């Protein structure tokens, strides 16, 4: 019975770690996409507006 509880506890710990890893990857990907979009928009604005 004790071995069963250890297995259940380990399964919960591992699933929590994987959820955290997936959430971290999603946030990192989102940040990179936003940063790239902002840089592209800045480059487009710089290209369109005349320099003084």
C-alpha atoms as a PDB file:
ATOM      1  CA  UNK A   1       0.000   0.000   0.000  1.00  0.00           C
ATOM      2  CA  UNK A   2       2.829   2.369   0.822  1.00  0.00           C
ATOM      3  CA  UNK A   3       4.430   1.760  -2.568  1.00  0.00           C
ATOM      4  CA  UNK A   4       1.143   2.761  -4.224  1.00  0.00           C
ATOM      5  CA  UNK A   5       1.120   6.120  -2.385  1.00  0.00           C
ATOM      6  CA  UNK A   6       4.699   6.793  -3.473  1.00  0.00           C
ATOM      7  CA  UNK A   7       3.718   6.066  -7.081  1.00  0.00           C
ATOM      8  CA  UNK A   8       0.726   8.385  -6.901  1.00  0.00           C
ATOM      9  CA  UNK A   9       2.789  11.139  -5.264  1.00  0.00           C
ATOM     10  CA  UNK A  10       5.528  10.814  -7.868  1.00  0.00           C
ATOM     11  CA  UNK A  11       2.973  10.958 -10.683  1.00  0.00           C
ATOM     12  CA  UNK A  12       1.518  14.207  -9.290  1.00  0.00           C
ATOM     13  CA  UNK A  13       4.966  15.747  -8.911  1.00  0.00           C
ATOM     14  CA  UNK A  14       5.999  14.841 -12.439  1.00  0.00           C
ATOM     15  CA  UNK A  15       2.760  16.093 -13.959  1.00  0.00           C
ATOM     16  CA  UNK A  16       3.161  19.411 -12.121  1.00  0.00           C
ATOM     17  CA  UNK A  17       6.684  19.796 -13.462  1.00  0.00           C
ATOM     18  CA  UNK A  18       5.566  19.120 -17.016  1.00  0.00           C
ATOM     19  CA  UNK A  19       2.704  21.615 -16.735  1.00  0.00           C
ATOM     20  CA  UNK A  20       5.141  24.238 -15.460  1.00  0.00           C
ATOM     21  CA  UNK A  21       7.569  23.477 -18.297  1.00  0.00           C
ATOM     22  CA  UNK A  22       4.832  23.783 -20.931  1.00  0.00           C
ATOM     23  CA  UNK A  23       3.558  27.040 -19.421  1.00  0.00           C
ATOM     24  CA  UNK A  24       7.097  28.440 -19.313  1.00  0.00           C
ATOM     25  CA  UNK A  25       7.669  27.493 -22.950  1.00  0.00           C
ATOM     26  CA  UNK A  26       4.386  29.136 -23.969  1.00  0.00           C
ATOM     27  CA  UNK A  27       5.251  32.372 -22.166  1.00  0.00           C
ATOM     28  CA  UNK A  28       8.742  32.418 -23.680  1.00  0.00           C
ATOM     29  CA  UNK A  29       7.357  31.814 -27.173  1.00  0.00           C
ATOM     30  CA  UNK A  30       4.768  34.532 -26.701  1.00  0.00           C
ATOM     31  CA  UNK A  31       7.404  36.998 -25.541  1.00  0.00           C
ATOM     32  CA  UNK A  32       9.611  36.247 -28.549  1.00  0.00           C
ATOM     33  CA  UNK A  33       6.685  36.669 -30.960  1.00  0.00           C
ATOM     34  CA  UNK A  34       5.720  40.010 -29.422  1.00  0.00           C
ATOM     35  CA  UNK A  35       9.329  41.235 -29.411  1.00  0.00           C
ATOM     36  CA  UNK A  36       9.793  40.271 -33.061  1.00  0.00           C
ATOM     37  CA  UNK A  37       6.535  41.983 -34.022  1.00  0.00           C
ATOM     38  CA  UNK A  38       7.538  45.180 -32.246  1.00  0.00           C
ATOM     39  CA  UNK A  39      10.951  45.176 -33.908  1.00  0.00           C
ATOM     40  CA  UNK A  40       9.381  44.601 -37.332  1.00  0.00           C
ATOM     41  CA  UNK A  41       6.884  47.406 -36.759  1.00  0.00           C
ATOM     42  CA  UNK A  42       9.677  49.725 -35.658  1.00  0.00           C
ATOM     43  CA  UNK A  43      11.693  48.899 -38.762  1.00  0.00           C
ATOM     44  CA  UNK A  44       8.660  49.500 -40.981  1.00  0.00           C
ATOM     45  CA  UNK A  45       7.935  52.860 -39.351  1.00  0.00           C
ATOM     46  CA  UNK A  46      11.585  53.860 -39.699  1.00  0.00           C
ATOM     47  CA  UNK A  47      11.533  52.904 -43.369  1.00  0.00           C
ATOM     48  CA  UNK A  48       8.307  54.810 -44.148  1.00  0.00           C
ATOM     49  CA  UNK A  49       8.910  58.021 -42.225  1.00  0.00           C
ATOM     50  CA  UNK A  50      11.374  60.456 -43.798  1.00  0.00           C
ATOM     51  CA  UNK A  51      14.503  61.237 -41.809  1.00  0.00           C
ATOM     52  CA  UNK A  52      15.046  64.817 -40.748  1.00  0.00           C
END
